[in-house]
Amino acid sequence: MANLRNKPVDRRRLSAEDKKAYRPGGRQMALAKARQRRGRMAWNEHSEKRTVEQRPGSGGFTGGIGIQQQRMREEGQKIERSKQLRGEGEVYLKE
C-alpha cells in the first residue's frame, strides 16, 4: 500500500451527523481497484516477454497458400508439356 494516499478516516473525530453520512465503501472500492491495477502492472513488468514477433503477414497460411498455388501452376505446366510431347497417334507403323 506504499504511495497510496488513502489513509483511514478516524470516525471518532467526526460529528454525529458526519458519522451517519460517512460511507467508506467508495474509498474501499477505489483502493481495491488501485491495488489491482498496481498488481497487474507489476505482474506485466516481471512476466516473461514473447521472443517471437507476431505481425500481420509474418506467418499463418498466407505464405503456404502462395507456395501451394505456385506448385499447382508448375504441375499444370508439366502436364501441358507432357501432353504436347505425346504423339498424335501411333509412332510405329506395323507393316
N, C-alpha and C. Protein backbone atom coordinates (compact mmCIF):
# COMPACT_ATOMS: atom_id res chain seq x y z
N MET A 1 0.83 -1.19 0.00
CA MET A 1 0.00 0.00 0.00
C MET A 1 0.88 1.25 0.00
N ALA A 2 2.10 1.09 -0.41
CA ALA A 2 3.02 2.24 -0.45
C ALA A 2 2.58 3.24 -1.50
N ASN A 3 2.75 4.49 -1.19
CA ASN A 3 2.46 5.61 -2.08
C ASN A 3 0.98 5.79 -2.40
N LEU A 4 0.09 5.15 -1.67
CA LEU A 4 -1.33 5.38 -1.87
C LEU A 4 -1.81 6.29 -0.75
N ARG A 5 -2.26 7.48 -1.11
CA ARG A 5 -2.70 8.45 -0.11
C ARG A 5 -4.17 8.24 0.18
N ASN A 6 -4.46 7.21 0.88
CA ASN A 6 -5.84 6.88 1.19
C ASN A 6 -5.90 6.34 2.62
N LYS A 7 -5.51 7.16 3.54
CA LYS A 7 -5.45 6.75 4.94
C LYS A 7 -6.86 6.58 5.49
N PRO A 8 -7.02 5.70 6.44
CA PRO A 8 -8.34 5.52 7.03
C PRO A 8 -8.79 6.77 7.79
N VAL A 9 -10.10 6.98 7.80
CA VAL A 9 -10.68 8.14 8.48
C VAL A 9 -10.97 7.75 9.92
N ASP A 10 -10.54 8.57 10.84
CA ASP A 10 -10.81 8.34 12.26
C ASP A 10 -12.20 8.87 12.55
N ARG A 11 -13.17 7.98 12.66
CA ARG A 11 -14.55 8.39 12.84
C ARG A 11 -14.82 8.96 14.23
N ARG A 12 -13.90 8.74 15.15
CA ARG A 12 -14.08 9.30 16.49
C ARG A 12 -14.06 10.82 16.45
N ARG A 13 -13.37 11.37 15.47
CA ARG A 13 -13.24 12.82 15.38
C ARG A 13 -14.38 13.47 14.59
N LEU A 14 -15.23 12.66 13.97
CA LEU A 14 -16.32 13.21 13.17
C LEU A 14 -17.49 13.58 14.05
N SER A 15 -18.29 14.52 13.54
CA SER A 15 -19.52 14.88 14.25
C SER A 15 -20.53 13.75 14.07
N ALA A 16 -21.58 13.77 14.87
CA ALA A 16 -22.61 12.73 14.81
C ALA A 16 -23.25 12.69 13.42
N GLU A 17 -23.48 13.87 12.84
CA GLU A 17 -24.09 13.95 11.51
C GLU A 17 -23.15 13.36 10.45
N ASP A 18 -21.85 13.68 10.55
CA ASP A 18 -20.88 13.16 9.60
C ASP A 18 -20.70 11.65 9.74
N LYS A 19 -20.82 11.16 10.96
CA LYS A 19 -20.71 9.71 11.19
C LYS A 19 -21.84 8.97 10.47
N LYS A 20 -23.05 9.56 10.50
CA LYS A 20 -24.20 8.93 9.83
C LYS A 20 -24.00 8.95 8.31
N ALA A 21 -23.49 10.06 7.79
CA ALA A 21 -23.37 10.24 6.35
C ALA A 21 -22.14 9.53 5.77
N TYR A 22 -21.19 9.21 6.63
CA TYR A 22 -19.93 8.63 6.13
C TYR A 22 -20.13 7.21 5.64
N ARG A 23 -19.81 6.97 4.38
CA ARG A 23 -19.89 5.63 3.78
C ARG A 23 -18.51 5.32 3.19
N PRO A 24 -17.73 4.43 3.80
CA PRO A 24 -16.38 4.16 3.32
C PRO A 24 -16.31 3.24 2.10
N GLY A 25 -17.46 2.76 1.63
CA GLY A 25 -17.46 1.80 0.52
C GLY A 25 -16.78 2.32 -0.73
N GLY A 26 -17.03 3.58 -1.09
CA GLY A 26 -16.43 4.15 -2.29
C GLY A 26 -14.91 4.23 -2.18
N ARG A 27 -14.44 4.64 -1.02
CA ARG A 27 -13.00 4.71 -0.79
C ARG A 27 -12.37 3.33 -0.86
N GLN A 28 -13.05 2.36 -0.27
CA GLN A 28 -12.51 1.00 -0.25
C GLN A 28 -12.48 0.40 -1.65
N MET A 29 -13.49 0.67 -2.44
CA MET A 29 -13.50 0.16 -3.82
C MET A 29 -12.40 0.82 -4.64
N ALA A 30 -12.22 2.12 -4.45
CA ALA A 30 -11.16 2.81 -5.18
C ALA A 30 -9.79 2.27 -4.77
N LEU A 31 -9.61 2.00 -3.49
CA LEU A 31 -8.35 1.44 -3.01
C LEU A 31 -8.12 0.04 -3.58
N ALA A 32 -9.18 -0.77 -3.62
CA ALA A 32 -9.06 -2.13 -4.16
C ALA A 32 -8.70 -2.08 -5.65
N LYS A 33 -9.33 -1.18 -6.39
CA LYS A 33 -9.02 -1.06 -7.82
C LYS A 33 -7.59 -0.59 -8.05
N ALA A 34 -7.15 0.35 -7.20
CA ALA A 34 -5.77 0.83 -7.32
C ALA A 34 -4.78 -0.30 -7.04
N ARG A 35 -5.08 -1.10 -6.04
CA ARG A 35 -4.20 -2.24 -5.72
C ARG A 35 -4.19 -3.24 -6.87
N GLN A 36 -5.35 -3.51 -7.44
CA GLN A 36 -5.42 -4.44 -8.57
C GLN A 36 -4.60 -3.93 -9.75
N ARG A 37 -4.75 -2.64 -10.04
CA ARG A 37 -4.02 -2.05 -11.16
C ARG A 37 -2.52 -2.12 -10.93
N ARG A 38 -2.09 -1.80 -9.73
CA ARG A 38 -0.66 -1.85 -9.43
C ARG A 38 -0.13 -3.27 -9.49
N GLY A 39 -0.92 -4.23 -9.00
CA GLY A 39 -0.50 -5.62 -9.08
C GLY A 39 -0.40 -6.12 -10.50
N ARG A 40 -1.36 -5.72 -11.34
CA ARG A 40 -1.34 -6.11 -12.75
C ARG A 40 -0.13 -5.51 -13.46
N MET A 41 0.17 -4.24 -13.16
CA MET A 41 1.34 -3.59 -13.77
C MET A 41 2.62 -4.28 -13.33
N ALA A 42 2.71 -4.64 -12.05
CA ALA A 42 3.91 -5.32 -11.56
C ALA A 42 4.05 -6.69 -12.21
N TRP A 43 2.93 -7.39 -12.35
CA TRP A 43 2.96 -8.72 -12.99
C TRP A 43 3.44 -8.60 -14.43
N ASN A 44 2.88 -7.64 -15.16
CA ASN A 44 3.28 -7.46 -16.55
C ASN A 44 4.74 -7.05 -16.67
N GLU A 45 5.20 -6.27 -15.71
CA GLU A 45 6.59 -5.80 -15.75
C GLU A 45 7.57 -6.97 -15.55
N HIS A 46 7.20 -7.93 -14.72
CA HIS A 46 8.13 -9.01 -14.39
C HIS A 46 7.82 -10.33 -15.10
N SER A 47 6.78 -10.34 -15.93
CA SER A 47 6.45 -11.58 -16.63
C SER A 47 7.39 -11.76 -17.83
N GLU A 48 7.48 -12.99 -18.30
CA GLU A 48 8.36 -13.29 -19.42
C GLU A 48 7.73 -12.78 -20.71
N LYS A 49 8.52 -12.08 -21.49
CA LYS A 49 8.02 -11.49 -22.73
C LYS A 49 8.13 -12.49 -23.87
N ARG A 50 7.33 -12.29 -24.89
CA ARG A 50 7.41 -13.13 -26.09
C ARG A 50 8.73 -12.87 -26.79
N THR A 51 9.30 -13.92 -27.34
CA THR A 51 10.57 -13.76 -28.04
C THR A 51 10.39 -13.76 -29.55
N VAL A 52 9.22 -14.12 -30.03
CA VAL A 52 8.96 -14.15 -31.47
C VAL A 52 7.96 -13.05 -31.77
N GLU A 53 8.33 -12.18 -32.69
CA GLU A 53 7.43 -11.10 -33.06
C GLU A 53 6.31 -11.64 -33.91
N GLN A 54 5.14 -11.14 -33.67
CA GLN A 54 3.99 -11.53 -34.47
C GLN A 54 3.38 -10.28 -35.06
N ARG A 55 3.45 -10.17 -36.37
CA ARG A 55 2.89 -9.03 -37.08
C ARG A 55 2.00 -9.56 -38.19
N PRO A 56 1.07 -8.78 -38.66
CA PRO A 56 0.25 -9.23 -39.79
C PRO A 56 1.12 -9.54 -41.00
N GLY A 57 0.92 -10.70 -41.57
CA GLY A 57 1.67 -11.09 -42.74
C GLY A 57 2.97 -11.79 -42.44
N SER A 58 3.29 -11.97 -41.14
CA SER A 58 4.57 -12.60 -40.82
C SER A 58 4.45 -14.12 -40.74
N GLY A 59 3.27 -14.63 -40.79
CA GLY A 59 3.12 -16.08 -40.68
C GLY A 59 1.72 -16.48 -41.06
N GLY A 60 1.28 -17.59 -40.54
CA GLY A 60 -0.05 -18.05 -40.86
C GLY A 60 -0.07 -18.81 -42.17
N PHE A 61 -1.21 -18.78 -42.85
CA PHE A 61 -1.40 -19.56 -44.07
C PHE A 61 -1.09 -18.77 -45.33
N THR A 62 -0.80 -17.48 -45.21
CA THR A 62 -0.65 -16.68 -46.43
C THR A 62 0.52 -17.17 -47.27
N GLY A 63 1.66 -17.45 -46.65
CA GLY A 63 2.80 -17.96 -47.41
C GLY A 63 2.53 -19.34 -47.95
N GLY A 64 1.88 -20.18 -47.16
CA GLY A 64 1.58 -21.55 -47.58
C GLY A 64 0.67 -21.60 -48.78
N ILE A 65 -0.32 -20.74 -48.81
CA ILE A 65 -1.25 -20.72 -49.93
C ILE A 65 -0.53 -20.28 -51.20
N GLY A 66 0.32 -19.27 -51.09
CA GLY A 66 1.09 -18.81 -52.26
C GLY A 66 2.01 -19.88 -52.79
N ILE A 67 2.67 -20.59 -51.89
CA ILE A 67 3.57 -21.68 -52.30
C ILE A 67 2.77 -22.79 -52.97
N GLN A 68 1.62 -23.11 -52.39
CA GLN A 68 0.79 -24.16 -52.97
C GLN A 68 0.30 -23.76 -54.37
N GLN A 69 -0.11 -22.52 -54.51
CA GLN A 69 -0.58 -22.06 -55.83
C GLN A 69 0.54 -22.14 -56.86
N GLN A 70 1.75 -21.76 -56.48
CA GLN A 70 2.88 -21.84 -57.41
C GLN A 70 3.16 -23.29 -57.79
N ARG A 71 3.10 -24.19 -56.81
CA ARG A 71 3.34 -25.61 -57.08
C ARG A 71 2.28 -26.15 -58.03
N MET A 72 1.05 -25.75 -57.85
CA MET A 72 -0.02 -26.22 -58.73
C MET A 72 0.17 -25.67 -60.16
N ARG A 73 0.64 -24.42 -60.28
CA ARG A 73 0.93 -23.87 -61.62
C ARG A 73 2.01 -24.68 -62.30
N GLU A 74 3.08 -24.99 -61.55
CA GLU A 74 4.18 -25.77 -62.13
C GLU A 74 3.71 -27.16 -62.53
N GLU A 75 2.88 -27.79 -61.72
CA GLU A 75 2.34 -29.12 -62.08
C GLU A 75 1.49 -29.03 -63.34
N GLY A 76 0.69 -27.97 -63.44
CA GLY A 76 -0.13 -27.78 -64.64
C GLY A 76 0.74 -27.60 -65.88
N GLN A 77 1.84 -26.87 -65.74
CA GLN A 77 2.75 -26.68 -66.87
C GLN A 77 3.40 -28.00 -67.26
N LYS A 78 3.76 -28.83 -66.29
CA LYS A 78 4.35 -30.14 -66.58
C LYS A 78 3.36 -31.01 -67.34
N ILE A 79 2.12 -30.99 -66.92
CA ILE A 79 1.09 -31.81 -67.58
C ILE A 79 0.89 -31.34 -69.02
N GLU A 80 0.81 -30.02 -69.22
CA GLU A 80 0.65 -29.47 -70.57
C GLU A 80 1.83 -29.87 -71.45
N ARG A 81 3.03 -29.79 -70.94
CA ARG A 81 4.22 -30.14 -71.71
C ARG A 81 4.22 -31.62 -72.07
N SER A 82 3.81 -32.47 -71.10
CA SER A 82 3.78 -33.90 -71.40
C SER A 82 2.72 -34.22 -72.45
N LYS A 83 1.61 -33.48 -72.44
CA LYS A 83 0.58 -33.69 -73.46
C LYS A 83 1.10 -33.28 -74.84
N GLN A 84 1.88 -32.21 -74.89
CA GLN A 84 2.42 -31.76 -76.18
C GLN A 84 3.46 -32.74 -76.70
N LEU A 85 4.21 -33.37 -75.82
CA LEU A 85 5.24 -34.31 -76.25
C LEU A 85 4.67 -35.65 -76.70
N ARG A 86 3.43 -35.93 -76.34
CA ARG A 86 2.80 -37.18 -76.77
C ARG A 86 2.54 -37.09 -78.27
N GLY A 87 2.59 -38.23 -78.90
CA GLY A 87 2.31 -38.26 -80.34
C GLY A 87 0.81 -38.20 -80.59
N GLU A 88 0.48 -37.79 -81.81
CA GLU A 88 -0.93 -37.72 -82.18
C GLU A 88 -1.52 -39.12 -82.26
N GLY A 89 -0.76 -40.04 -82.78
CA GLY A 89 -1.25 -41.40 -82.92
C GLY A 89 -0.12 -42.34 -82.60
N GLU A 90 -0.17 -43.49 -83.24
CA GLU A 90 0.89 -44.46 -83.02
C GLU A 90 2.14 -44.01 -83.73
N VAL A 91 3.24 -44.15 -83.06
CA VAL A 91 4.52 -43.74 -83.63
C VAL A 91 5.02 -44.84 -84.58
N TYR A 92 4.84 -46.10 -84.23
CA TYR A 92 5.35 -47.20 -85.02
C TYR A 92 4.22 -47.75 -85.91
N LEU A 93 4.55 -47.90 -87.16
CA LEU A 93 3.59 -48.44 -88.09
C LEU A 93 3.87 -49.92 -88.30
N LYS A 94 2.86 -50.70 -88.24
CA LYS A 94 3.01 -52.14 -88.46
C LYS A 94 2.80 -52.42 -89.94
N GLU A 95 3.74 -53.12 -90.57
CA GLU A 95 3.59 -53.44 -91.98
C GLU A 95 3.58 -54.90 -92.20
